[in-house]
Protein backbone atom coordinates (compact mmCIF):
# COMPACT_ATOMS: atom_id res chain seq x y z
CA MET A 1 46.75 39.85 -59.05
CA SER A 2 47.59 43.20 -57.53
CA ALA A 3 49.35 41.56 -54.60
CA TYR A 4 51.42 39.51 -57.04
CA TRP A 5 52.56 42.58 -58.94
CA VAL A 6 53.33 44.50 -55.73
CA VAL A 7 55.66 41.63 -54.80
CA GLU A 8 57.23 41.93 -58.25
CA PHE A 9 57.68 45.68 -57.71
CA THR A 10 59.57 45.17 -54.50
CA ALA A 11 61.55 42.12 -55.71
CA ASN A 12 63.09 43.72 -58.78
CA GLY A 13 64.07 46.95 -57.06
CA SER A 14 61.90 49.29 -59.15
CA GLY A 15 60.29 50.38 -55.89
CA GLY A 16 57.47 52.84 -56.29
CA ASP A 17 58.46 54.37 -59.63
CA TYR A 18 55.18 53.42 -61.24
CA LEU A 19 53.23 52.46 -58.12
CA GLY A 20 50.56 55.15 -58.51
CA ALA A 21 49.88 54.23 -62.12
CA PHE A 22 49.89 50.57 -61.20
CA ILE A 23 47.37 51.03 -58.39
CA THR A 24 45.13 52.99 -60.76
CA ALA A 25 45.41 50.25 -63.39
CA SER A 26 44.64 47.62 -60.73
CA ILE A 27 41.48 49.45 -59.69
CA LEU A 28 40.43 49.72 -63.33
CA ALA A 29 41.13 46.00 -63.80
CA VAL A 30 38.84 45.20 -60.88
CA PHE A 31 36.04 47.19 -62.50
CA VAL A 32 36.65 45.52 -65.88
CA PHE A 33 36.61 42.06 -64.29
CA THR A 34 33.44 42.93 -62.39
CA TRP A 35 31.51 44.36 -65.33
CA PHE A 36 32.63 41.80 -67.89
CA GLY A 37 33.45 38.86 -65.65
CA SER A 38 30.13 38.75 -63.83
CA PRO A 39 28.02 38.27 -66.97
CA LEU A 40 30.56 35.75 -68.26
CA ALA A 41 30.37 33.83 -64.98
CA TRP A 42 26.57 33.93 -65.09
CA LEU A 43 26.50 32.65 -68.68
CA THR A 44 28.99 29.92 -67.80
CA GLY A 45 26.89 28.88 -64.83
CA ARG A 46 23.79 28.76 -67.03
CA ALA A 47 25.62 26.67 -69.62
CA LEU A 48 26.77 24.25 -66.92
CA ARG A 49 23.45 23.96 -65.09
CA SER A 50 22.80 20.48 -66.52
CA VAL A 51 26.19 19.27 -65.28
CA THR A 52 25.78 17.80 -61.80
CA ALA A 53 29.44 17.20 -60.96
CA ARG A 54 30.64 20.12 -58.86
CA TRP A 55 34.28 19.49 -59.73
CA VAL A 56 33.48 20.25 -63.40
CA HIS A 57 32.05 23.63 -62.43
CA VAL A 58 35.05 24.41 -60.25
CA ALA A 59 37.50 23.33 -62.97
CA VAL A 60 35.76 25.40 -65.65
CA PHE A 61 35.74 28.48 -63.42
CA TRP A 62 39.43 27.92 -62.67
CA ALA A 63 40.19 27.83 -66.40
CA LEU A 64 38.09 30.92 -67.14
CA GLY A 65 39.65 32.85 -64.27
CA ALA A 66 43.14 31.96 -65.44
CA LEU A 67 42.43 32.78 -69.09
CA ALA A 68 40.74 36.07 -68.29
CA SER A 69 43.61 37.26 -66.11
CA VAL A 70 46.41 36.71 -68.64
CA PRO A 71 45.56 39.64 -70.98
CA VAL A 72 45.15 42.01 -68.05
CA MET A 73 48.50 40.99 -66.61
CA TRP A 74 50.20 41.43 -69.97
CA LEU A 75 48.72 44.92 -70.20
CA MET A 76 50.06 45.75 -66.74
CA ILE A 77 53.66 44.65 -67.46
CA PRO A 78 54.87 48.13 -68.57
CA TRP A 79 54.02 49.53 -65.12
CA THR A 80 56.08 46.91 -63.31
CA GLY A 81 59.52 47.55 -64.74
CA LEU A 82 59.69 43.90 -65.89
CA ASP A 83 59.23 44.75 -69.56
CA GLY A 84 62.46 43.18 -70.82
CA GLU A 85 62.66 40.29 -68.35
CA PRO A 86 63.42 37.02 -70.20
CA HIS A 87 61.63 34.67 -67.74
CA LEU A 88 58.36 36.59 -67.54
CA GLY A 89 56.22 33.85 -69.14
CA PRO A 90 56.36 31.43 -66.19
CA ARG A 91 55.54 34.26 -63.80
CA ILE A 92 52.48 35.21 -65.85
CA VAL A 93 51.37 31.58 -66.00
CA GLY A 94 51.83 31.20 -62.24
CA ALA A 95 49.90 34.38 -61.51
CA ALA A 96 47.15 33.29 -63.94
CA ALA A 97 46.90 29.95 -62.14
CA LEU A 98 46.55 31.85 -58.86
CA CYS A 99 43.79 34.06 -60.30
CA GLY A 100 42.05 30.95 -61.61
CA ALA A 101 42.30 29.38 -58.16
CA PHE A 102 40.51 32.39 -56.68
CA ALA A 103 37.75 32.10 -59.30
CA ALA A 104 37.41 28.38 -58.57
CA ALA A 105 37.30 29.08 -54.83
CA GLY A 106 34.51 31.59 -55.45
CA ARG A 107 32.50 28.98 -57.33
CA ALA A 108 33.10 26.39 -54.62
CA LEU A 109 31.96 28.89 -51.98
CA ALA A 110 28.81 29.55 -54.00
CA PHE A 111 28.03 25.82 -53.91
CA THR A 112 28.64 25.77 -50.15
CA ALA A 113 26.42 28.79 -49.57
CA ARG A 114 23.60 27.27 -51.63
CA ALA A 115 23.81 23.98 -49.73
CA ARG A 116 23.74 25.84 -46.42
CA ARG A 117 20.74 27.90 -47.52
CA GLU A 118 18.85 24.79 -48.63
CA ARG A 119 19.51 23.02 -45.28
CA ARG A 120 18.23 25.99 -43.28
CA PRO A 121 14.74 25.44 -41.85
CA PRO A 122 12.06 27.77 -43.18
CA ARG A 123 11.62 30.95 -41.21
CA PRO A 124 8.43 31.19 -39.19
CA ALA A 125 5.88 33.64 -40.45
CA ASP A 126 5.82 37.04 -38.86
CA PRO A 127 2.83 37.17 -36.46
CA GLU A 128 1.84 40.58 -37.79
CA ASP A 129 1.70 39.25 -41.37
CA VAL A 130 -0.41 36.29 -40.25
CA LEU A 131 -2.86 38.66 -38.53
CA LEU A 132 -3.12 40.89 -41.60
CA ASP A 133 -3.68 37.88 -43.89
CA ALA A 134 -6.40 36.60 -41.56
CA GLN A 135 -8.12 39.98 -41.49
CA GLU A 136 -8.04 40.28 -45.29
CA SER A 137 -9.37 36.76 -45.86
CA GLY A 138 -12.29 37.46 -43.52
CA ARG A 139 -13.63 40.30 -45.67
């Protein structure tokens, strides 16, 4: 989202007028998404645990990522110099779709990581742990 708005900054000629405030707001948005988005993602995953189709999970996370990003982008508009732009709605929708795509990609990567972890052979026991267990069981 920050990269999108930096492109908007440079495209409309406002340059770095509000760049410092925008970067600060972007950092705060990351913290807000982390603190509120992580529990929301966990709850969504728990609600979808009975759904076996991975595409449903990815689609739901795309929708949640897109919906969650829209209010934050609307709050950041005053720092971009695009406040009175008439065609701002399609840009917000496009950026929201991009944010949703990143959320969906994160969910898809989580599925991939879980599958890789489940295919991994079990690690052999540490010889020192085996020796200690044998010594304790002999007492």
